Amino acid sequence: MGERFSWWENNRHAANSCPIFVTRLPELLDRPNYYSQKLQLPVIKKDLSIVQWSGELLDFKSVDSTVLQLVCKRVDKAFERFIIGDSSGKRSGKPRFKTEASFKTMTFATANNEWIKLTRKNWLYIRLPKLGMFKVRMHRPILDGFILKQVSITKKADGWYAQIVLEDITIPSQTTELIPSWVNSIGIDAVLQGDNYLATSEGEKLPSLKPLRKNQAKLDRISTKRNRRKRGSKSRRKLAKREAKQHQKIARSRKDFQYKTAHEIVRTGKKFFFYEDLNLKGLTRRNKTKQDENGSYLPNGQSAKSGLNKSWADGAFGQFFEILQRIAEKAGAVAISQKPQYSSMILSYRNEVIFTDCSIREYWDEQNTLMVDRDINAAVNLKRLGLGIFPSIKRRSGKIDIVGTMDDSTTKEILHTLKKGCWKPTLTASGKCRSMSRAKSRKTSELTISRKLGNR
């Protein structure tokens, strides 16, 4: 890391600091890269290395070469993101020096089947270079024909874990091409309203777990108690470990819920899953500050936005859609992201702008005697986007102009889908909705409407 910082500081100048007439340019140094730094590892391993800030002696002979090469790879990627940027040109911040606590994973990239010495019913005995023999509990058996390719050892809050990568070249890859249609596809909309997590184009709403919200009080008690302890004390480290276990429990319960939800969606038998491509970084961005003439800061709604940001983080939709892609691929299906612009505003079977505000959660269509849910309507529009039958939207003079029509067969399919899971109001003598029933009321909360239908 220090070598790269030296190269960066000695080989750059500001654009306005160069003189007009230059007689001699300084000699540029060779840029350190992954391969040049990897060649230095054998020299470092010959003798003990001294840590400058602590004076500690480190013996790198006791560490496997592939683990040390992984450190060079991490440094190379960090500087590449800092200098060059990603595919879209966005650059990351300046890399920082990491402590030993930042390196919690050791990856052995040259693993083979000879490393496995013994396999029993639920246990695996594996010998790792420079570390020796380890007894590992298996959560699933290793089938015959698989080749060991890589082993990673990770330290977590409750112990050490081994991740084993296997390969079987005899498994054929999927070569059949699927064509999306209205029958074999489904749209999925992310919901952050009430106790709902997802809405599908089949008229269903799946419930949310909210693990962070449910464990927030317990987590706050541990954090408050930890912050009261003296830094570096034994009691503070003990509470920090307890807090890490609580965070681990929340993360594991969330991931378990997401896997179960993904399997439930894939079991519908569909071959195409169209979900919205959320800009989670933009959705969780802080509000811009507001100042008056005197420079005093004005309320900008960040207090309420902080709670919304926490709900987005608790939902972890980015992680869920990655899990859905993997589960769908194993089942021979495909999960495809779609740009969700205007998908939640336009009525799916009439191409009209109805849901102009996020506060409008339902729309009563008196012509079709149908109560349209905003989230289910958005899921249907995502399905239309995936099938290429969504109209093109243009903004002209601040107004939304919808270009395109829809055939009658698609309209009938959408109305049939919405009526399967729609709310059906029962009118009283005074013209108000007395009660509501739903054909598919599984895992959804009851709703009572007391407003007049004319207000819808």
Protein backbone atom coordinates (compact mmCIF):
# COMPACT_ATOMS: atom_id res chain seq x y z
CA MET A 1 0.00 0.00 0.00
CA GLY A 2 2.81 2.43 0.88
CA GLU A 3 4.62 1.71 -2.38
CA ARG A 4 1.52 2.59 -4.37
CA PHE A 5 0.96 5.80 -2.38
CA SER A 6 4.57 6.86 -3.09
CA TRP A 7 4.13 6.24 -6.82
CA TRP A 8 0.84 8.19 -6.85
CA GLU A 9 2.30 11.24 -5.07
CA ASN A 10 5.58 11.37 -7.08
CA ASN A 11 4.10 10.90 -10.54
CA ARG A 12 1.34 13.48 -10.72
CA HIS A 13 1.06 17.28 -10.78
CA ALA A 14 -1.80 19.73 -10.90
CA ALA A 15 -2.67 21.03 -14.37
CA ASN A 16 -1.96 24.65 -13.37
CA SER A 17 1.46 23.94 -11.81
CA CYS A 18 3.41 23.04 -14.96
CA PRO A 19 5.58 25.86 -16.38
CA ILE A 20 5.20 26.90 -19.99
CA PHE A 21 8.84 26.23 -20.87
CA VAL A 22 10.18 22.93 -19.57
CA THR A 23 13.79 22.00 -20.18
CA ARG A 24 13.80 18.62 -18.49
CA LEU A 25 10.93 16.40 -17.34
CA PRO A 26 11.42 14.23 -14.26
CA GLU A 27 11.86 10.53 -14.88
CA LEU A 28 8.65 8.64 -14.25
CA LEU A 29 8.75 5.67 -11.92
CA ASP A 30 7.37 2.29 -12.87
CA ARG A 31 3.82 1.86 -11.70
CA PRO A 32 3.51 -0.96 -9.15
CA ASN A 33 0.95 -3.58 -10.08
CA TYR A 34 -0.27 -6.93 -8.85
CA TYR A 35 2.47 -8.94 -10.55
CA SER A 36 5.37 -6.72 -9.51
CA GLN A 37 4.27 -6.76 -5.88
CA LYS A 38 3.64 -10.50 -5.98
CA LEU A 39 7.26 -11.04 -7.03
CA GLN A 40 8.38 -9.29 -3.84
CA LEU A 41 6.74 -11.88 -1.59
CA PRO A 42 9.56 -14.48 -1.77
CA VAL A 43 12.05 -11.79 -0.70
CA ILE A 44 9.85 -10.72 2.22
CA LYS A 45 9.49 -14.32 3.42
CA LYS A 46 13.27 -14.81 3.72
CA ASP A 47 13.56 -12.80 6.93
CA LEU A 48 11.40 -11.34 9.68
CA SER A 49 9.55 -8.13 8.80
CA ILE A 50 9.24 -5.24 11.25
CA VAL A 51 6.01 -3.27 11.64
CA GLN A 52 7.10 0.38 11.82
CA TRP A 53 4.38 1.77 14.06
CA SER A 54 4.46 -1.06 16.64
CA GLY A 55 7.90 -2.64 16.22
CA GLU A 56 6.33 -6.12 15.95
CA LEU A 57 8.21 -8.85 14.11
CA LEU A 58 6.18 -10.79 11.56
CA ASP A 59 7.14 -14.15 10.09
CA PHE A 60 5.45 -14.57 6.71
CA LYS A 61 6.86 -18.07 6.30
CA SER A 62 3.95 -19.36 8.38
CA VAL A 63 1.41 -18.02 5.86
CA ASP A 64 0.57 -19.78 2.61
CA SER A 65 1.70 -18.04 -0.59
CA THR A 66 -1.81 -17.91 -2.10
CA VAL A 67 -3.12 -16.09 0.98
CA LEU A 68 -0.40 -13.45 0.66
CA GLN A 69 -1.09 -13.10 -3.05
CA LEU A 70 -4.74 -12.44 -2.21
CA VAL A 71 -3.66 -9.38 -0.17
CA CYS A 72 -1.82 -8.03 -3.21
CA LYS A 73 -4.93 -8.62 -5.30
CA ARG A 74 -7.13 -6.68 -2.87
CA VAL A 75 -4.71 -3.74 -2.90
CA ASP A 76 -4.58 -3.78 -6.70
CA LYS A 77 -8.37 -3.68 -7.02
CA ALA A 78 -8.68 -0.89 -4.44
CA PHE A 79 -6.20 1.33 -6.30
CA GLU A 80 -7.76 0.53 -9.67
CA ARG A 81 -11.14 1.73 -8.40
CA PHE A 82 -9.43 4.85 -6.97
CA ILE A 83 -7.42 5.81 -10.10
CA ILE A 84 -9.40 4.42 -13.05
CA GLY A 85 -12.88 3.79 -11.67
CA ASP A 86 -15.51 1.24 -12.59
CA SER A 87 -17.15 0.61 -15.97
CA SER A 88 -19.27 3.75 -15.66
CA GLY A 89 -16.30 5.95 -14.74
CA LYS A 90 -17.16 6.36 -11.05
CA ARG A 91 -14.10 6.45 -8.82
CA SER A 92 -13.93 5.26 -5.23
CA GLY A 93 -12.27 7.07 -2.34
CA LYS A 94 -8.62 6.88 -1.45
CA PRO A 95 -7.67 3.44 -0.06
CA ARG A 96 -6.88 3.24 3.63
CA PHE A 97 -4.41 1.14 5.56
CA LYS A 98 -6.24 -1.83 7.05
CA THR A 99 -5.74 -3.46 10.41
CA GLU A 100 -5.57 -7.17 11.03
CA ALA A 101 -9.28 -7.08 11.96
CA SER A 102 -10.11 -6.26 8.32
CA PHE A 103 -8.67 -9.57 7.07
CA LYS A 104 -11.10 -12.20 8.29
CA THR A 105 -10.89 -14.58 5.33
CA MET A 106 -8.03 -16.76 4.09
CA THR A 107 -8.52 -18.19 0.61
CA PHE A 108 -6.50 -21.18 -0.60
CA ALA A 109 -6.80 -21.12 -4.39
CA THR A 110 -4.71 -24.24 -5.14
CA ALA A 111 -6.89 -26.78 -3.35
CA ASN A 112 -7.31 -30.34 -4.64
CA ASN A 113 -8.91 -33.59 -3.53
CA GLU A 114 -5.73 -34.70 -1.74
CA TRP A 115 -6.38 -32.09 0.94
CA ILE A 116 -9.42 -34.08 2.14
CA LYS A 117 -8.03 -36.82 4.37
CA LEU A 118 -11.19 -38.36 5.82
CA THR A 119 -14.95 -38.03 5.37
CA ARG A 120 -17.49 -39.27 7.87
CA LYS A 121 -21.24 -38.87 8.24
CA ASN A 122 -21.32 -35.20 9.29
CA TRP A 123 -17.63 -34.40 9.53
CA LEU A 124 -14.81 -33.62 7.14
CA TYR A 125 -11.10 -33.77 7.94
CA ILE A 126 -9.09 -31.44 5.72
CA ARG A 127 -5.40 -30.50 5.82
CA LEU A 128 -4.59 -26.88 4.96
CA PRO A 129 -1.05 -25.76 4.05
CA LYS A 130 0.89 -24.10 6.90
CA LEU A 131 -2.05 -24.67 9.27
CA GLY A 132 -2.44 -28.42 9.60
CA MET A 133 -5.45 -30.70 10.04
CA PHE A 134 -8.95 -29.31 10.70
CA LYS A 135 -12.20 -31.00 11.59
CA VAL A 136 -15.10 -29.36 9.75
CA ARG A 137 -18.81 -30.02 10.22
CA MET A 138 -20.52 -30.54 6.83
CA HIS A 139 -23.97 -29.08 6.23
CA ARG A 140 -24.36 -31.28 3.13
CA PRO A 141 -22.42 -34.33 1.86
CA ILE A 142 -19.82 -34.12 -0.92
CA LEU A 143 -21.04 -36.19 -3.86
CA ASP A 144 -18.83 -38.46 -5.94
CA GLY A 145 -17.28 -36.94 -9.04
CA PHE A 146 -16.75 -33.45 -7.64
CA ILE A 147 -13.28 -31.90 -7.64
CA LEU A 148 -12.09 -29.63 -4.86
CA LYS A 149 -11.04 -26.26 -6.35
CA GLN A 150 -10.85 -23.72 -3.52
CA VAL A 151 -11.13 -23.46 0.28
CA SER A 152 -11.83 -20.26 2.24
CA ILE A 153 -11.59 -19.98 6.03
CA THR A 154 -13.62 -17.10 7.52
CA LYS A 155 -13.79 -15.83 11.08
CA LYS A 156 -17.25 -14.71 12.17
CA ALA A 157 -18.75 -13.56 15.45
CA ASP A 158 -19.58 -17.09 16.63
CA GLY A 159 -16.62 -19.05 15.28
CA TRP A 160 -14.71 -20.15 12.19
CA TYR A 161 -16.35 -21.26 8.94
CA ALA A 162 -15.01 -23.10 5.90
CA GLN A 163 -16.35 -22.45 2.41
CA ILE A 164 -15.48 -25.19 -0.08
CA VAL A 165 -15.78 -24.68 -3.86
CA LEU A 166 -16.36 -27.86 -5.88
CA GLU A 167 -16.54 -28.53 -9.61
CA ASP A 168 -18.06 -31.33 -11.68
CA ILE A 169 -17.27 -31.09 -15.39
CA THR A 170 -19.74 -33.88 -16.25
CA ILE A 171 -22.78 -31.71 -15.49
CA PRO A 172 -24.09 -30.34 -18.80
CA SER A 173 -24.94 -26.66 -19.17
CA GLN A 174 -28.42 -25.52 -20.10
CA THR A 175 -28.67 -24.92 -23.85
CA THR A 176 -32.45 -24.69 -24.38
CA GLU A 177 -33.67 -21.20 -25.25
CA LEU A 178 -36.87 -19.99 -23.64
CA ILE A 179 -39.21 -17.40 -25.09
CA PRO A 180 -41.10 -15.24 -22.57
CA SER A 181 -44.86 -15.16 -22.81
CA TRP A 182 -47.76 -14.02 -20.67
CA VAL A 183 -48.21 -17.52 -19.24
CA ASN A 184 -44.62 -18.41 -18.31
CA SER A 185 -43.61 -15.03 -16.80
CA ILE A 186 -44.32 -13.07 -13.65
CA GLY A 187 -43.65 -9.51 -12.51
CA ILE A 188 -42.28 -8.74 -9.04
CA ASP A 189 -42.54 -5.33 -7.37
CA ALA A 190 -40.64 -4.39 -4.20
CA VAL A 191 -43.03 -3.08 -1.55
CA LEU A 192 -42.02 -0.92 1.37
CA GLN A 193 -45.49 -0.32 2.75
CA GLY A 194 -46.93 -1.83 5.92
CA ASP A 195 -46.11 -5.48 6.48
CA ASN A 196 -45.72 -6.36 2.79
CA TYR A 197 -42.41 -7.26 1.16
CA LEU A 198 -43.25 -8.14 -2.46
CA ALA A 199 -46.19 -7.86 -4.82
CA THR A 200 -46.55 -10.19 -7.81
CA SER A 201 -48.43 -9.85 -11.06
CA GLU A 202 -50.49 -12.88 -9.99
CA GLY A 203 -52.36 -10.69 -7.47
CA GLU A 204 -50.46 -11.82 -4.37
CA LYS A 205 -48.60 -9.93 -1.69
CA LEU A 206 -45.85 -11.62 0.28
CA PRO A 207 -45.26 -10.53 3.89
CA SER A 208 -42.12 -8.86 5.22
CA LEU A 209 -39.95 -10.12 8.08
CA LYS A 210 -38.33 -6.81 9.24
CA PRO A 211 -35.61 -8.46 11.36
CA LEU A 212 -33.82 -5.19 12.16
CA ARG A 213 -36.99 -3.45 13.32
CA LYS A 214 -37.95 -6.37 15.55
CA ASN A 215 -34.50 -6.56 17.18
CA GLN A 216 -33.78 -2.83 17.27
CA ALA A 217 -34.61 -2.40 20.98
CA LYS A 218 -32.35 -5.25 22.04
CA LEU A 219 -29.56 -4.02 19.79
CA ASP A 220 -29.82 -0.50 21.21
CA ARG A 221 -29.55 -1.75 24.77
CA ILE A 222 -26.35 -3.63 23.99
CA SER A 223 -24.85 -0.70 22.06
CA THR A 224 -25.66 1.79 24.83
CA LYS A 225 -24.10 -0.44 27.46
CA ARG A 226 -21.00 -0.98 25.30
CA ASN A 227 -20.49 2.75 24.72
CA ARG A 228 -20.46 3.36 28.48
CA ARG A 229 -17.50 1.06 29.01
CA LYS A 230 -13.93 2.26 28.80
CA ARG A 231 -12.19 1.80 25.45
CA GLY A 232 -9.86 -1.17 25.41
CA SER A 233 -11.39 -2.73 28.53
CA LYS A 234 -12.34 -6.37 28.76
CA SER A 235 -16.01 -5.59 29.45
CA ARG A 236 -16.22 -3.41 26.31
CA ARG A 237 -14.73 -6.16 24.13
CA LYS A 238 -17.17 -8.64 25.63
CA LEU A 239 -20.14 -6.40 24.84
CA ALA A 240 -18.78 -5.72 21.35
CA LYS A 241 -18.72 -9.45 20.69
CA ARG A 242 -22.26 -9.73 22.00
CA GLU A 243 -23.34 -6.91 19.70
CA ALA A 244 -21.66 -8.61 16.72
CA LYS A 245 -23.56 -11.82 17.46
CA GLN A 246 -26.81 -9.89 17.54
CA HIS A 247 -26.04 -8.33 14.15
CA GLN A 248 -25.15 -11.78 12.85
CA LYS A 249 -28.47 -13.14 14.08
CA ILE A 250 -30.34 -10.36 12.26
CA ALA A 251 -28.41 -10.91 9.02
CA ARG A 252 -28.92 -14.67 9.11
CA SER A 253 -32.64 -14.44 9.79
CA ARG A 254 -32.99 -11.97 6.91
CA LYS A 255 -31.09 -14.19 4.49
CA ASP A 256 -33.05 -17.28 5.56
CA PHE A 257 -36.30 -15.39 4.96
CA GLN A 258 -35.10 -14.25 1.53
CA TYR A 259 -34.13 -17.77 0.47
CA LYS A 260 -37.53 -19.12 1.54
CA THR A 261 -39.32 -16.30 -0.29
CA ALA A 262 -37.25 -16.87 -3.45
CA HIS A 263 -38.01 -20.60 -3.38
CA GLU A 264 -41.71 -19.83 -2.93
CA ILE A 265 -41.69 -17.61 -6.02
CA VAL A 266 -39.72 -20.09 -8.14
CA ARG A 267 -42.08 -22.93 -7.17
CA THR A 268 -44.84 -21.16 -9.12
CA GLY A 269 -43.36 -22.85 -12.19
CA LYS A 270 -42.69 -19.65 -14.13
CA LYS A 271 -39.64 -19.39 -16.36
CA PHE A 272 -39.17 -15.62 -16.41
CA PHE A 273 -39.14 -13.34 -13.38
CA PHE A 274 -39.15 -9.62 -14.13
CA TYR A 275 -38.18 -7.48 -11.14
CA GLU A 276 -37.52 -3.77 -10.84
CA ASP A 277 -33.97 -2.47 -11.05
CA LEU A 278 -33.90 -0.29 -7.94
CA ASN A 279 -31.42 2.53 -7.49
CA LEU A 280 -30.85 1.69 -3.83
CA LYS A 281 -27.94 4.11 -3.53
CA GLY A 282 -30.14 6.98 -4.65
CA LEU A 283 -33.11 5.89 -2.57
CA THR A 284 -31.04 5.91 0.62
CA ARG A 285 -29.24 9.19 -0.11
CA ARG A 286 -29.53 11.96 2.47
CA ASN A 287 -31.67 14.98 1.69
CA LYS A 288 -29.98 18.19 0.61
CA THR A 289 -29.46 20.78 3.30
CA LYS A 290 -31.50 24.00 3.33
CA GLN A 291 -30.24 27.33 4.62
CA ASP A 292 -31.86 30.69 5.12
CA GLU A 293 -30.36 34.11 4.39
CA ASN A 294 -28.43 34.11 7.67
CA GLY A 295 -26.87 30.73 7.01
CA SER A 296 -28.99 28.85 9.57
CA TYR A 297 -30.06 25.36 8.61
CA LEU A 298 -33.76 24.79 7.96
CA PRO A 299 -35.73 21.54 8.37
CA ASN A 300 -35.25 19.38 5.27
CA GLY A 301 -37.18 16.23 6.23
CA GLN A 302 -34.07 14.18 6.95
CA SER A 303 -35.48 12.92 10.27
CA ALA A 304 -38.29 11.09 8.48
CA LYS A 305 -35.97 10.11 5.63
CA SER A 306 -33.60 8.40 8.08
CA GLY A 307 -36.36 6.02 9.12
CA LEU A 308 -37.14 5.31 5.46
CA ASN A 309 -33.46 4.64 4.75
CA LYS A 310 -33.38 2.14 7.62
CA SER A 311 -36.42 0.37 6.17
CA TRP A 312 -34.71 0.11 2.78
CA ALA A 313 -31.61 -1.33 4.45
CA ASP A 314 -33.73 -3.75 6.47
CA GLY A 315 -35.48 -4.97 3.32
CA ALA A 316 -32.14 -5.65 1.53
CA PHE A 317 -33.82 -5.93 -1.88
CA GLY A 318 -30.48 -5.95 -3.69
CA GLN A 319 -29.45 -9.08 -1.81
CA PHE A 320 -32.86 -10.68 -2.37
CA PHE A 321 -32.82 -10.22 -6.14
CA GLU A 322 -29.31 -11.72 -6.32
CA ILE A 323 -30.61 -14.74 -4.39
CA LEU A 324 -33.61 -14.94 -6.71
CA GLN A 325 -31.30 -15.01 -9.74
CA ARG A 326 -29.34 -17.95 -8.33
CA ILE A 327 -32.44 -19.92 -7.30
CA ALA A 328 -34.09 -19.30 -10.67
CA GLU A 329 -30.98 -20.40 -12.55
CA LYS A 330 -30.91 -23.69 -10.65
CA ALA A 331 -34.54 -24.27 -11.62
CA GLY A 332 -33.88 -23.56 -15.30
CA ALA A 333 -35.51 -20.11 -15.16
CA VAL A 334 -34.29 -16.54 -15.65
CA ALA A 335 -34.62 -13.45 -13.46
CA ILE A 336 -34.32 -10.20 -15.44
CA SER A 337 -34.24 -6.65 -14.08
CA GLN A 338 -36.39 -3.93 -15.64
CA LYS A 339 -36.23 -0.15 -15.41
CA PRO A 340 -39.29 0.79 -13.31
CA GLN A 341 -39.88 4.33 -14.65
CA TYR A 342 -43.60 5.15 -14.61
CA SER A 343 -44.50 1.51 -13.90
CA SER A 344 -46.21 2.42 -10.61
CA MET A 345 -48.12 5.42 -12.04
CA ILE A 346 -49.84 3.99 -15.12
CA LEU A 347 -52.94 1.82 -14.89
CA SER A 348 -51.88 -1.51 -16.33
CA TYR A 349 -55.00 -2.30 -18.40
CA ARG A 350 -55.90 1.20 -19.64
CA ASN A 351 -52.61 3.12 -20.10
CA GLU A 352 -53.76 6.06 -17.99
CA VAL A 353 -51.83 7.94 -15.31
CA ILE A 354 -53.75 7.19 -12.10
CA PHE A 355 -51.28 6.78 -9.23
CA THR A 356 -49.76 10.26 -9.38
CA ASP A 357 -48.82 10.31 -5.69
CA CYS A 358 -47.27 7.69 -3.40
CA SER A 359 -50.11 8.26 -0.93
CA ILE A 360 -52.58 6.78 -3.44
CA ARG A 361 -52.43 3.10 -2.58
CA GLU A 362 -55.67 1.97 -4.25
CA TYR A 363 -57.92 2.98 -7.12
CA TRP A 364 -61.61 2.13 -7.49
CA ASP A 365 -62.58 1.50 -11.11
CA GLU A 366 -66.34 1.89 -11.21
CA GLN A 367 -66.55 0.85 -14.86
CA ASN A 368 -65.06 -2.60 -14.19
CA THR A 369 -66.16 -2.75 -10.51
CA LEU A 370 -62.56 -3.36 -9.55
CA MET A 371 -60.34 -2.14 -6.71
CA VAL A 372 -56.81 -1.90 -8.12
CA ASP A 373 -53.90 -2.15 -5.69
CA ARG A 374 -50.98 0.14 -6.50
CA ASP A 375 -48.26 -2.46 -5.87
CA ILE A 376 -49.96 -5.29 -7.76
CA ASN A 377 -50.62 -2.89 -10.64
CA ALA A 378 -46.89 -2.02 -10.67
CA ALA A 379 -45.99 -5.72 -10.75
CA VAL A 380 -48.22 -6.20 -13.80
CA ASN A 381 -46.52 -3.26 -15.52
CA LEU A 382 -43.10 -4.81 -14.80
CA LYS A 383 -44.34 -7.96 -16.52
CA ARG A 384 -45.44 -5.84 -19.49
CA LEU A 385 -41.99 -4.25 -19.56
CA GLY A 386 -40.34 -7.65 -19.70
CA LEU A 387 -42.62 -8.78 -22.52
CA GLY A 388 -42.12 -5.54 -24.48
CA ILE A 389 -45.79 -4.47 -24.44
CA PHE A 390 -45.42 -1.49 -22.13
CA PRO A 391 -46.11 1.87 -23.85
CA SER A 392 -43.39 4.43 -24.41
CA ILE A 393 -43.54 7.45 -22.11
CA LYS A 394 -42.55 10.99 -23.07
CA ARG A 395 -42.64 14.18 -21.04
CA ARG A 396 -43.78 17.26 -22.95
CA SER A 397 -44.11 20.61 -21.20
CA GLY A 398 -44.21 18.88 -17.82
CA LYS A 399 -47.02 16.50 -18.88
CA ILE A 400 -46.75 12.75 -19.37
CA ASP A 401 -47.58 11.63 -22.89
CA ILE A 402 -48.30 7.91 -23.36
CA VAL A 403 -47.51 6.58 -26.82
CA GLY A 404 -48.75 3.12 -27.75
CA THR A 405 -51.84 0.93 -27.54
CA MET A 406 -52.62 -2.47 -26.11
CA ASP A 407 -54.61 -5.28 -27.70
CA ASP A 408 -57.87 -6.54 -26.21
CA SER A 409 -56.50 -9.99 -25.34
CA THR A 410 -53.80 -8.53 -23.09
CA THR A 411 -56.34 -6.25 -21.43
CA LYS A 412 -58.59 -9.21 -20.66
CA GLU A 413 -55.65 -11.17 -19.24
CA ILE A 414 -54.72 -8.28 -16.93
CA LEU A 415 -58.31 -7.75 -15.77
CA HIS A 416 -58.69 -11.47 -15.10
CA THR A 417 -55.49 -11.46 -13.03
CA LEU A 418 -56.48 -8.38 -11.05
CA LYS A 419 -59.98 -9.67 -10.33
CA LYS A 420 -58.57 -12.89 -8.88
CA GLY A 421 -56.95 -11.00 -6.03
CA CYS A 422 -58.90 -7.79 -5.91
CA TRP A 423 -60.81 -6.29 -3.01
CA LYS A 424 -64.58 -6.48 -3.47
CA PRO A 425 -66.47 -3.84 -1.45
CA THR A 426 -69.93 -4.43 -0.02
CA LEU A 427 -72.12 -1.34 -0.05
CA THR A 428 -74.39 -0.28 2.79
CA ALA A 429 -77.64 1.65 2.48
CA SER A 430 -75.76 4.91 3.07
CA GLY A 431 -73.48 4.28 0.09
CA LYS A 432 -70.41 3.39 2.14
CA CYS A 433 -68.23 0.31 2.05
CA ARG A 434 -69.16 -1.89 5.00
CA SER A 435 -66.64 -4.69 4.60
CA MET A 436 -64.21 -6.05 2.06
CA SER A 437 -63.18 -9.57 1.11
CA ARG A 438 -60.39 -10.84 -1.04
CA ALA A 439 -60.15 -14.01 -3.07
CA LYS A 440 -56.52 -14.49 -2.08
CA SER A 441 -56.23 -13.10 1.45
CA ARG A 442 -53.26 -15.26 2.44
CA LYS A 443 -50.68 -13.44 4.51
CA THR A 444 -52.39 -10.05 4.07
CA SER A 445 -53.99 -7.79 6.62
CA GLU A 446 -57.68 -6.88 6.63
CA LEU A 447 -58.70 -3.44 5.46
CA THR A 448 -61.86 -1.50 6.25
CA ILE A 449 -62.86 1.40 4.04
CA SER A 450 -65.31 4.01 5.28
CA ARG A 451 -64.96 6.60 2.53
CA LYS A 452 -67.51 7.07 -0.20
CA LEU A 453 -66.86 5.53 -3.58
CA GLY A 454 -67.22 8.96 -5.13
CA ASN A 455 -64.03 10.05 -3.37
CA ARG A 456 -62.01 7.31 -5.03
